[in-house]
Protein backbone atom coordinates (compact mmCIF):
# COMPACT_ATOMS: atom_id res chain seq x y z
CA MET A 1 -180.89 -9.26 15.37
CA THR A 2 -183.58 -10.08 17.88
CA LEU A 3 -184.52 -13.42 19.31
CA LEU A 4 -187.88 -13.28 17.49
CA SER A 5 -186.24 -12.75 14.09
CA VAL A 6 -183.91 -15.69 14.73
CA GLN A 7 -186.88 -17.86 15.72
CA ASP A 8 -188.78 -16.75 12.63
CA ARG A 9 -185.87 -17.72 10.44
CA LEU A 10 -185.50 -21.09 12.11
CA THR A 11 -189.20 -21.75 11.65
CA ALA A 12 -188.97 -20.81 7.98
CA LEU A 13 -186.04 -23.17 7.53
CA GLU A 14 -187.83 -26.00 9.32
CA GLN A 15 -191.01 -25.58 7.32
CA GLY A 16 -189.35 -24.87 4.00
CA GLY A 17 -186.57 -27.44 4.22
CA GLU A 18 -186.88 -28.31 0.55
CA GLN A 19 -186.42 -24.66 -0.47
CA TYR A 20 -183.41 -24.42 1.80
CA GLN A 21 -181.84 -27.49 0.19
CA ALA A 22 -182.47 -26.03 -3.27
CA ASP A 23 -180.87 -22.71 -2.27
CA ARG A 24 -177.95 -24.54 -0.73
CA ALA A 25 -177.37 -26.52 -3.92
CA ALA A 26 -177.51 -23.32 -6.00
CA VAL A 27 -174.97 -21.63 -3.73
CA HIS A 28 -172.72 -24.67 -3.93
CA ALA A 29 -172.93 -24.62 -7.73
CA VAL A 30 -171.96 -20.93 -7.83
CA GLU A 31 -169.07 -21.55 -5.43
CA ALA A 32 -167.82 -24.45 -7.57
CA ARG A 33 -168.01 -22.31 -10.73
CA LEU A 34 -166.12 -19.44 -9.07
CA LEU A 35 -163.50 -21.83 -7.73
CA GLN A 36 -162.96 -23.24 -11.22
CA GLN A 37 -162.60 -19.72 -12.65
CA LEU A 38 -159.99 -18.93 -10.00
CA ARG A 39 -158.08 -22.09 -10.85
CA ASP A 40 -158.15 -21.20 -14.56
CA MET A 41 -156.88 -17.70 -13.82
CA GLN A 42 -154.10 -19.10 -11.63
CA ALA A 43 -153.04 -21.47 -14.40
CA GLN A 44 -152.98 -18.62 -16.91
CA LEU A 45 -150.91 -16.45 -14.60
CA SER A 46 -148.41 -19.19 -13.85
CA SER A 47 -148.02 -20.06 -17.55
CA SER A 48 -147.57 -16.41 -18.54
CA THR A 49 -145.01 -15.98 -15.76
CA THR A 50 -142.95 -18.89 -17.01
CA THR A 51 -143.08 -17.78 -20.65
CA ASN A 52 -142.39 -14.13 -19.84
CA GLY A 53 -140.14 -14.87 -16.90
CA ASN A 54 -137.01 -15.29 -19.01
CA ALA A 55 -137.69 -12.13 -21.00
CA SER A 56 -138.47 -10.24 -17.83
CA SER A 57 -135.33 -11.38 -16.06
CA ARG A 58 -133.26 -10.63 -19.18
CA HIS A 59 -134.80 -7.16 -19.31
CA SER A 60 -134.16 -6.54 -15.63
CA THR A 61 -130.57 -7.79 -16.00
CA GLN A 62 -130.03 -5.35 -18.86
CA GLU A 63 -131.56 -2.58 -16.77
CA VAL A 64 -129.29 -3.39 -13.84
CA GLU A 65 -126.24 -3.38 -16.10
CA ARG A 66 -127.30 -0.05 -17.61
CA LEU A 67 -127.73 1.41 -14.13
CA ARG A 68 -124.30 0.10 -13.10
CA ASP A 69 -122.71 1.76 -16.13
CA ALA A 70 -124.45 5.03 -15.30
CA ASN A 71 -123.28 4.70 -11.69
CA ARG A 72 -119.68 4.17 -12.82
CA ALA A 73 -119.84 7.23 -15.06
CA LEU A 74 -121.28 9.35 -12.26
CA HIS A 75 -118.63 8.06 -9.86
CA ALA A 76 -115.85 9.03 -12.29
CA LYS A 77 -117.37 12.48 -12.73
CA LEU A 78 -117.62 12.88 -8.97
CA GLN A 79 -113.95 11.99 -8.54
CA LYS A 80 -112.96 14.59 -11.13
CA LEU A 81 -115.07 17.23 -9.39
CA ASP A 82 -113.62 16.33 -6.00
CA TYR A 83 -110.11 16.68 -7.43
CA ARG A 84 -110.95 20.10 -8.91
CA ILE A 85 -112.56 21.28 -5.69
CA SER A 86 -109.58 20.21 -3.61
CA HIS A 87 -107.25 22.20 -5.92
CA MET A 88 -109.54 25.22 -5.77
CA VAL A 89 -109.68 25.07 -1.98
CA GLY A 90 -105.90 24.79 -1.84
CA HIS A 91 -105.50 27.84 -4.09
CA MET A 92 -108.11 29.80 -2.11
CA GLU A 93 -106.29 29.05 1.14
CA ARG A 94 -102.97 30.12 -0.40
CA LEU A 95 -104.53 33.34 -1.71
CA TYR A 96 -106.12 34.01 1.68
CA GLU A 97 -102.75 33.60 3.42
CA GLU A 98 -101.06 35.88 0.86
CA ASN A 99 -103.81 38.44 1.34
CA GLN A 100 -103.36 38.28 5.13
CA GLN A 101 -99.61 38.75 4.73
CA LEU A 102 -100.13 41.76 2.46
CA LYS A 103 -102.53 43.30 4.97
CA GLU A 104 -100.01 42.79 7.76
CA GLN A 105 -97.28 44.38 5.64
CA GLN A 106 -99.48 47.35 4.85
CA GLN A 107 -100.34 47.81 8.52
CA GLN A 108 -96.67 47.65 9.44
CA GLN A 109 -95.80 50.22 6.77
CA GLN A 110 -98.59 52.52 7.98
CA SER A 111 -97.51 52.20 11.58
CA THR A 112 -93.86 52.97 10.71
CA SER A 113 -94.76 55.96 8.61
């Protein structure tokens, strides 16, 4: 924006002061209308939150309880699987040791023969 364009605008405002006041009043009216619409929307949102708030919290409480039940079931299943795995590992280790002993016995028999 140049200095000349600013001066031109100031001159237009000085000469057309009445037009400026009319425009200013129109802008103020639009702002007031928009502000009222925002207040109405805020009131609607706050009233819908209070009426649906109890249902929403009840729903979320039910969802939390359902998720807790699912978590308990998964935890029980995990414990069973851990138990089974520990038994399998124990058996595998025992079989590995037996296999090693058999190999040693075979090597001893081959070396004595």
